Amino acid sequence: MLNSRSLKRLVAALLLVLITGVAGAATRYVSDQLSINLRRGPGTGYRIKKLIKAGDKVQTLSSSNGWTKIRTSKGTTGYVLTRLLSKKPAASTRLAQVKQENKKLKAKNKSLSSNQSSKQKKIANLTQQNKQLKSKNQSLSQKLEKLRETSADAVHLSKQNKQYHQQLMSLKSKMQRLKHENQSLKSRREGMKIGALILFVGIVIGLLLSMIRKRRSSSWGDSL
């Protein structure tokens, strides 16, 4: 049979369950004590099952009369004083977390600095390439302008050449016409010379015939 002390403990446990009911599980942390006692029941009269170190993460199951039933990360259940639990991790744990986060942030900052340095190098490279492209573009623009000027000169020379060719053809045509006219004049001159020569010969012959006739008339007069 149960003794009075065991009966009291059993009644207290039943009352604790009836009062608190089934509480929702919540995460708590052992406060900054060196360690706290995990007891078999909600009271200092119950035996200590184990010691829980400061900063350990536990899960609350129920709470009543300043005691909280918990479950450790290894699955051990028991009771601890509620005031020794905290909703936030212990300072040592938080410090470790802060150090870890700080380490991550430093690594991230180093990575960002490396990326920034790489991007700055890329920007400098792109700036240099842009400068070179601008210089090439300016050179090409100058060459294009010269080609345009040369093309304009070529078009102008082509027009002049065409005009000169037309003038030359016109001059050739005039020369041909003048040649024909000259040949025609030469022919006319030759004809006039021949006509004049024939006329001269005719006049001379006429004079000779006239002289011959006169001599004959004189000869006949003397003979009579």
C-alpha atoms as a PDB file:
ATOM      1  CA  MET A   1       0.000   0.000   0.000  1.00  0.00           C
ATOM      2  CA  LEU A   2       1.042   3.592  -0.594  1.00  0.00           C
ATOM      3  CA  ASN A   3       2.261   5.554   2.403  1.00  0.00           C
ATOM      4  CA  SER A   4       0.922   9.005   3.132  1.00  0.00           C
ATOM      5  CA  ARG A   5       3.880  10.751   1.523  1.00  0.00           C
ATOM      6  CA  SER A   6       3.548   8.811  -1.711  1.00  0.00           C
ATOM      7  CA  LEU A   7      -0.202   9.400  -1.650  1.00  0.00           C
ATOM      8  CA  LYS A   8       0.326  13.120  -1.286  1.00  0.00           C
ATOM      9  CA  ARG A   9       2.697  13.133  -4.225  1.00  0.00           C
ATOM     10  CA  LEU A  10       0.247  11.202  -6.358  1.00  0.00           C
ATOM     11  CA  VAL A  11      -2.607  13.568  -5.445  1.00  0.00           C
ATOM     12  CA  ALA A  12      -0.421  16.591  -6.200  1.00  0.00           C
ATOM     13  CA  ALA A  13       0.503  15.171  -9.588  1.00  0.00           C
ATOM     14  CA  LEU A  14      -3.178  14.458 -10.404  1.00  0.00           C
ATOM     15  CA  LEU A  15      -4.166  17.940  -9.293  1.00  0.00           C
ATOM     16  CA  LEU A  16      -1.392  19.394 -11.441  1.00  0.00           C
ATOM     17  CA  VAL A  17      -2.681  17.531 -14.465  1.00  0.00           C
ATOM     18  CA  LEU A  18      -6.307  18.530 -13.774  1.00  0.00           C
ATOM     19  CA  ILE A  19      -5.443  22.191 -13.216  1.00  0.00           C
ATOM     20  CA  THR A  20      -3.098  22.693 -16.120  1.00  0.00           C
ATOM     21  CA  GLY A  21      -4.723  20.235 -18.504  1.00  0.00           C
ATOM     22  CA  VAL A  22      -2.836  19.420 -21.628  1.00  0.00           C
ATOM     23  CA  ALA A  23      -0.637  22.480 -22.281  1.00  0.00           C
ATOM     24  CA  GLY A  24       0.680  23.314 -25.732  1.00  0.00           C
ATOM     25  CA  ALA A  25       4.324  22.425 -26.201  1.00  0.00           C
ATOM     26  CA  ALA A  26       6.659  25.413 -26.137  1.00  0.00           C
ATOM     27  CA  THR A  27      10.374  25.894 -26.392  1.00  0.00           C
ATOM     28  CA  ARG A  28      12.220  27.219 -23.369  1.00  0.00           C
ATOM     29  CA  TYR A  29      15.844  27.628 -22.379  1.00  0.00           C
ATOM     30  CA  VAL A  30      17.560  27.002 -19.115  1.00  0.00           C
ATOM     31  CA  SER A  31      18.546  30.335 -17.588  1.00  0.00           C
ATOM     32  CA  ASP A  32      22.076  31.502 -16.935  1.00  0.00           C
ATOM     33  CA  GLN A  33      22.475  29.227 -13.890  1.00  0.00           C
ATOM     34  CA  LEU A  34      25.387  26.818 -13.982  1.00  0.00           C
ATOM     35  CA  SER A  35      22.872  23.982 -13.918  1.00  0.00           C
ATOM     36  CA  ILE A  36      19.367  23.206 -12.645  1.00  0.00           C
ATOM     37  CA  ASN A  37      17.853  20.085 -11.146  1.00  0.00           C
ATOM     38  CA  LEU A  38      15.459  17.984 -13.186  1.00  0.00           C
ATOM     39  CA  ARG A  39      13.219  16.251 -10.609  1.00  0.00           C
ATOM     40  CA  ARG A  40      10.792  13.413 -10.860  1.00  0.00           C
ATOM     41  CA  GLY A  41       7.906  15.547  -9.574  1.00  0.00           C
ATOM     42  CA  PRO A  42       6.879  19.179  -9.005  1.00  0.00           C
ATOM     43  CA  GLY A  43       8.592  19.794  -5.740  1.00  0.00           C
ATOM     44  CA  THR A  44      11.917  19.800  -3.973  1.00  0.00           C
ATOM     45  CA  GLY A  45      10.943  16.614  -2.198  1.00  0.00           C
ATOM     46  CA  TYR A  46      11.171  14.588  -5.377  1.00  0.00           C
ATOM     47  CA  ARG A  47      14.397  12.917  -6.371  1.00  0.00           C
ATOM     48  CA  ILE A  48      16.718  14.595  -8.861  1.00  0.00           C
ATOM     49  CA  LYS A  49      16.871  12.713 -12.147  1.00  0.00           C
ATOM     50  CA  LYS A  50      19.715  14.693 -13.715  1.00  0.00           C
ATOM     51  CA  LEU A  51      21.305  18.109 -13.979  1.00  0.00           C
ATOM     52  CA  ILE A  52      20.523  20.353 -16.977  1.00  0.00           C
ATOM     53  CA  LYS A  53      23.231  22.750 -18.086  1.00  0.00           C
ATOM     54  CA  ALA A  54      22.640  26.429 -18.586  1.00  0.00           C
ATOM     55  CA  GLY A  55      21.530  27.245 -22.101  1.00  0.00           C
ATOM     56  CA  ASP A  56      20.117  23.777 -22.870  1.00  0.00           C
ATOM     57  CA  LYS A  57      17.051  23.804 -25.071  1.00  0.00           C
ATOM     58  CA  VAL A  58      13.972  22.056 -23.572  1.00  0.00           C
ATOM     59  CA  GLN A  59      10.298  21.630 -24.421  1.00  0.00           C
ATOM     60  CA  THR A  60       7.621  22.559 -21.912  1.00  0.00           C
ATOM     61  CA  LEU A  61       4.718  20.175 -21.406  1.00  0.00           C
ATOM     62  CA  SER A  62       2.740  21.766 -18.533  1.00  0.00           C
ATOM     63  CA  SER A  63       3.138  24.317 -15.715  1.00  0.00           C
ATOM     64  CA  SER A  64       1.640  24.716 -12.210  1.00  0.00           C
ATOM     65  CA  ASN A  65       2.578  26.127  -8.809  1.00  0.00           C
ATOM     66  CA  GLY A  66       5.945  27.418  -9.964  1.00  0.00           C
ATOM     67  CA  TRP A  67       6.974  24.101 -11.515  1.00  0.00           C
ATOM     68  CA  THR A  68       7.108  23.167 -15.201  1.00  0.00           C
ATOM     69  CA  LYS A  69       7.168  19.721 -16.713  1.00  0.00           C
ATOM     70  CA  ILE A  70       9.723  19.602 -19.519  1.00  0.00           C
ATOM     71  CA  ARG A  71      11.267  17.263 -22.059  1.00  0.00           C
ATOM     72  CA  THR A  72      14.961  17.517 -22.857  1.00  0.00           C
ATOM     73  CA  SER A  73      16.455  17.265 -26.327  1.00  0.00           C
ATOM     74  CA  LYS A  74      17.297  13.627 -25.515  1.00  0.00           C
ATOM     75  CA  GLY A  75      13.675  12.814 -24.554  1.00  0.00           C
ATOM     76  CA  THR A  76      14.042  12.810 -20.761  1.00  0.00           C
ATOM     77  CA  THR A  77      11.006  14.267 -18.926  1.00  0.00           C
ATOM     78  CA  GLY A  78      10.861  15.807 -15.474  1.00  0.00           C
ATOM     79  CA  TYR A  79      10.081  18.929 -13.471  1.00  0.00           C
ATOM     80  CA  VAL A  80      12.072  22.121 -12.983  1.00  0.00           C
ATOM     81  CA  LEU A  81      11.385  25.456 -11.332  1.00  0.00           C
ATOM     82  CA  THR A  82       9.552  27.684 -13.787  1.00  0.00           C
ATOM     83  CA  ARG A  83      11.558  30.748 -12.798  1.00  0.00           C
ATOM     84  CA  LEU A  84      14.717  29.010 -13.969  1.00  0.00           C
ATOM     85  CA  LEU A  85      13.389  28.805 -17.534  1.00  0.00           C
ATOM     86  CA  SER A  86      13.589  31.609 -20.099  1.00  0.00           C
ATOM     87  CA  LYS A  87      11.944  32.249 -23.410  1.00  0.00           C
ATOM     88  CA  LYS A  88      15.273  33.466 -24.767  1.00  0.00           C
ATOM     89  CA  PRO A  89      18.485  31.483 -24.971  1.00  0.00           C
ATOM     90  CA  ALA A  90      21.051  31.984 -22.261  1.00  0.00           C
ATOM     91  CA  ALA A  91      23.501  34.831 -22.598  1.00  0.00           C
ATOM     92  CA  SER A  92      26.341  32.417 -23.309  1.00  0.00           C
ATOM     93  CA  THR A  93      24.267  30.722 -26.008  1.00  0.00           C
ATOM     94  CA  ARG A  94      23.208  34.045 -27.455  1.00  0.00           C
ATOM     95  CA  LEU A  95      26.818  35.209 -27.372  1.00  0.00           C
ATOM     96  CA  ALA A  96      27.873  32.106 -29.267  1.00  0.00           C
ATOM     97  CA  GLN A  97      25.070  32.698 -31.733  1.00  0.00           C
ATOM     98  CA  VAL A  98      26.088  36.325 -32.095  1.00  0.00           C
ATOM     99  CA  LYS A  99      29.688  35.245 -32.640  1.00  0.00           C
ATOM    100  CA  GLN A 100      28.549  32.704 -35.207  1.00  0.00           C
ATOM    101  CA  GLU A 101      26.362  35.276 -36.947  1.00  0.00           C
ATOM    102  CA  ASN A 102      29.210  37.777 -36.779  1.00  0.00           C
ATOM    103  CA  LYS A 103      31.518  35.196 -38.338  1.00  0.00           C
ATOM    104  CA  LYS A 104      28.974  34.571 -41.087  1.00  0.00           C
ATOM    105  CA  LEU A 105      28.567  38.302 -41.613  1.00  0.00           C
ATOM    106  CA  LYS A 106      32.333  38.749 -41.846  1.00  0.00           C
ATOM    107  CA  ALA A 107      32.547  35.927 -44.364  1.00  0.00           C
ATOM    108  CA  LYS A 108      29.649  37.448 -46.288  1.00  0.00           C
ATOM    109  CA  ASN A 109      31.262  40.893 -46.095  1.00  0.00           C
ATOM    110  CA  LYS A 110      34.522  39.408 -47.346  1.00  0.00           C
ATOM    111  CA  SER A 111      32.665  37.726 -50.169  1.00  0.00           C
ATOM    112  CA  LEU A 112      30.843  40.982 -50.979  1.00  0.00           C
ATOM    113  CA  SER A 113      34.146  42.869 -50.876  1.00  0.00           C
ATOM    114  CA  SER A 114      35.661  40.302 -53.219  1.00  0.00           C
ATOM    115  CA  ASN A 115      32.641  40.589 -55.504  1.00  0.00           C
ATOM    116  CA  GLN A 116      32.821  44.372 -55.318  1.00  0.00           C
ATOM    117  CA  SER A 117      36.523  44.285 -56.184  1.00  0.00           C
ATOM    118  CA  SER A 118      35.781  41.930 -59.067  1.00  0.00           C
ATOM    119  CA  LYS A 119      32.956  44.189 -60.254  1.00  0.00           C
ATOM    120  CA  GLN A 120      35.205  47.246 -59.974  1.00  0.00           C
ATOM    121  CA  LYS A 121      37.798  45.473 -62.113  1.00  0.00           C
ATOM    122  CA  LYS A 122      35.087  44.586 -64.605  1.00  0.00           C
ATOM    123  CA  ILE A 123      33.868  48.195 -64.588  1.00  0.00           C
ATOM    124  CA  ALA A 124      37.436  49.427 -65.141  1.00  0.00           C
ATOM    125  CA  ASN A 125      37.857  46.902 -67.954  1.00  0.00           C
ATOM    126  CA  LEU A 126      34.547  47.928 -69.508  1.00  0.00           C
ATOM    127  CA  THR A 127      35.506  51.597 -69.155  1.00  0.00           C
ATOM    128  CA  GLN A 128      38.783  50.913 -70.961  1.00  0.00           C
ATOM    129  CA  GLN A 129      36.959  48.962 -73.660  1.00  0.00           C
ATOM    130  CA  ASN A 130      34.431  51.794 -73.981  1.00  0.00           C
ATOM    131  CA  LYS A 131      37.293  54.280 -74.355  1.00  0.00           C
ATOM    132  CA  GLN A 132      38.904  52.119 -77.035  1.00  0.00           C
ATOM    133  CA  LEU A 133      35.590  51.726 -78.844  1.00  0.00           C
ATOM    134  CA  LYS A 134      35.049  55.486 -78.748  1.00  0.00           C
ATOM    135  CA  SER A 135      38.515  56.003 -80.240  1.00  0.00           C
ATOM    136  CA  LYS A 136      37.833  53.417 -82.954  1.00  0.00           C
ATOM    137  CA  ASN A 137      34.443  54.980 -83.620  1.00  0.00           C
ATOM    138  CA  GLN A 138      36.038  58.408 -83.982  1.00  0.00           C
ATOM    139  CA  SER A 139      38.670  57.001 -86.355  1.00  0.00           C
ATOM    140  CA  LEU A 140      35.999  55.235 -88.409  1.00  0.00           C
ATOM    141  CA  SER A 141      33.928  58.425 -88.494  1.00  0.00           C
ATOM    142  CA  GLN A 142      36.921  60.335 -89.859  1.00  0.00           C
ATOM    143  CA  LYS A 143      37.541  57.647 -92.485  1.00  0.00           C
ATOM    144  CA  LEU A 144      33.884  57.680 -93.416  1.00  0.00           C
ATOM    145  CA  GLU A 145      33.972  61.455 -93.786  1.00  0.00           C
ATOM    146  CA  LYS A 146      37.034  61.173 -96.042  1.00  0.00           C
ATOM    147  CA  LEU A 147      35.283  58.498 -98.089  1.00  0.00           C
ATOM    148  CA  ARG A 148      32.263  60.758 -98.407  1.00  0.00           C
ATOM    149  CA  GLU A 149      34.475  63.624 -99.553  1.00  0.00           C
ATOM    150  CA  THR A 150      36.292  61.316-101.984  1.00  0.00           C
ATOM    151  CA  SER A 151      32.973  59.987-103.227  1.00  0.00           C
ATOM    152  CA  ALA A 152      31.691  63.516-103.698  1.00  0.00           C
ATOM    153  CA  ASP A 153      34.889  64.417-105.598  1.00  0.00           C
ATOM    154  CA  ALA A 154      34.516  61.263-107.697  1.00  0.00           C
ATOM    155  CA  VAL A 155      30.935  62.188-108.561  1.00  0.00           C
ATOM    156  CA  HIS A 156      32.031  65.729-109.409  1.00  0.00           C
ATOM    157  CA  LEU A 157      34.908  64.442-111.564  1.00  0.00           C
ATOM    158  CA  SER A 158      32.562  62.012-113.255  1.00  0.00           C
ATOM    159  CA  LYS A 159      30.200  64.859-114.103  1.00  0.00           C
ATOM    160  CA  GLN A 160      33.100  66.976-115.380  1.00  0.00           C
ATOM    161  CA  ASN A 161      34.429  64.050-117.398  1.00  0.00           C
ATOM    162  CA  LYS A 162      31.000  63.542-118.907  1.00  0.00           C
ATOM    163  CA  GLN A 163      30.797  67.235-119.787  1.00  0.00           C
ATOM    164  CA  TYR A 164      34.294  67.182-121.296  1.00  0.00           C
ATOM    165  CA  HIS A 165      33.398  64.080-123.271  1.00  0.00           C
ATOM    166  CA  GLN A 166      30.296  65.789-124.626  1.00  0.00           C
ATOM    167  CA  GLN A 167      32.343  68.875-125.492  1.00  0.00           C
ATOM    168  CA  LEU A 168      34.965  66.677-127.173  1.00  0.00           C
ATOM    169  CA  MET A 169      32.311  64.910-129.208  1.00  0.00           C
ATOM    170  CA  SER A 170      30.875  68.274-130.204  1.00  0.00           C
ATOM    171  CA  LEU A 171      34.352  69.477-131.206  1.00  0.00           C
ATOM    172  CA  LYS A 172      34.926  66.307-133.226  1.00  0.00           C
ATOM    173  CA  SER A 173      31.623  66.864-134.951  1.00  0.00           C
ATOM    174  CA  LYS A 174      32.563  70.468-135.730  1.00  0.00           C
ATOM    175  CA  MET A 175      35.975  69.341-136.992  1.00  0.00           C
ATOM    176  CA  GLN A 176      34.355  66.797-139.266  1.00  0.00           C
ATOM    177  CA  ARG A 177      31.996  69.447-140.591  1.00  0.00           C
ATOM    178  CA  LEU A 178      34.866  71.881-141.122  1.00  0.00           C
ATOM    179  CA  LYS A 179      36.847  69.200-142.909  1.00  0.00           C
ATOM    180  CA  HIS A 180      33.964  68.575-145.251  1.00  0.00           C
ATOM    181  CA  GLU A 181      33.544  72.301-145.807  1.00  0.00           C
ATOM    182  CA  ASN A 182      37.299  72.662-146.396  1.00  0.00           C
ATOM    183  CA  GLN A 183      37.271  69.810-148.873  1.00  0.00           C
ATOM    184  CA  SER A 184      34.294  71.422-150.571  1.00  0.00           C
ATOM    185  CA  LEU A 185      36.149  74.756-150.720  1.00  0.00           C
ATOM    186  CA  LYS A 186      39.235  73.042-152.092  1.00  0.00           C
ATOM    187  CA  SER A 187      37.120  71.425-154.759  1.00  0.00           C
ATOM    188  CA  ARG A 188      35.545  74.743-155.638  1.00  0.00           C
ATOM    189  CA  ARG A 189      38.969  76.435-155.730  1.00  0.00           C
ATOM    190  CA  GLU A 190      40.329  73.731-157.971  1.00  0.00           C
ATOM    191  CA  GLY A 191      37.311  74.166-160.233  1.00  0.00           C
ATOM    192  CA  MET A 192      37.780  77.914-160.258  1.00  0.00           C
ATOM    193  CA  LYS A 193      41.473  77.527-161.079  1.00  0.00           C
ATOM    194  CA  ILE A 194      40.731  75.172-163.930  1.00  0.00           C
ATOM    195  CA  GLY A 195      37.994  77.497-165.196  1.00  0.00           C
ATOM    196  CA  ALA A 196      40.330  80.471-164.976  1.00  0.00           C
ATOM    197  CA  LEU A 197      43.037  78.490-166.752  1.00  0.00           C
ATOM    198  CA  ILE A 198      40.636  77.469-169.482  1.00  0.00           C
ATOM    199  CA  LEU A 199      39.450  81.069-169.755  1.00  0.00           C
ATOM    200  CA  PHE A 200      43.029  82.286-169.968  1.00  0.00           C
ATOM    201  CA  VAL A 201      43.932  79.708-172.561  1.00  0.00           C
ATOM    202  CA  GLY A 202      40.786  80.623-174.502  1.00  0.00           C
ATOM    203  CA  ILE A 203      41.711  84.317-174.374  1.00  0.00           C
ATOM    204  CA  VAL A 204      45.259  83.574-175.496  1.00  0.00           C
ATOM    205  CA  ILE A 205      44.012  81.365-178.300  1.00  0.00           C
ATOM    206  CA  GLY A 206      41.518  84.077-179.271  1.00  0.00           C
ATOM    207  CA  LEU A 207      44.269  86.679-179.374  1.00  0.00           C
ATOM    208  CA  LEU A 208      46.532  84.422-181.386  1.00  0.00           C
ATOM    209  CA  LEU A 209      43.755  83.688-183.824  1.00  0.00           C
ATOM    210  CA  SER A 210      43.010  87.396-184.079  1.00  0.00           C
ATOM    211  CA  MET A 211      46.680  88.157-184.766  1.00  0.00           C
ATOM    212  CA  ILE A 212      46.854  85.394-187.295  1.00  0.00           C
ATOM    213  CA  ARG A 213      43.792  86.746-189.024  1.00  0.00           C
ATOM    214  CA  LYS A 214      45.241  90.251-189.078  1.00  0.00           C
ATOM    215  CA  ARG A 215      48.471  89.017-190.588  1.00  0.00           C
ATOM    216  CA  ARG A 216      46.604  87.081-193.192  1.00  0.00           C
ATOM    217  CA  SER A 217      44.477  90.140-194.005  1.00  0.00           C
ATOM    218  CA  SER A 218      47.634  92.238-194.350  1.00  0.00           C
ATOM    219  CA  SER A 219      49.277  89.619-196.525  1.00  0.00           C
ATOM    220  CA  TRP A 220      46.283  89.541-198.767  1.00  0.00           C
ATOM    221  CA  GLY A 221      46.180  93.334-199.029  1.00  0.00           C
ATOM    222  CA  ASP A 222      49.817  93.507-200.051  1.00  0.00           C
ATOM    223  CA  SER A 223      49.394  90.895-202.681  1.00  0.00           C
ATOM    224  CA  LEU A 224      46.564  92.744-204.284  1.00  0.00           C
END
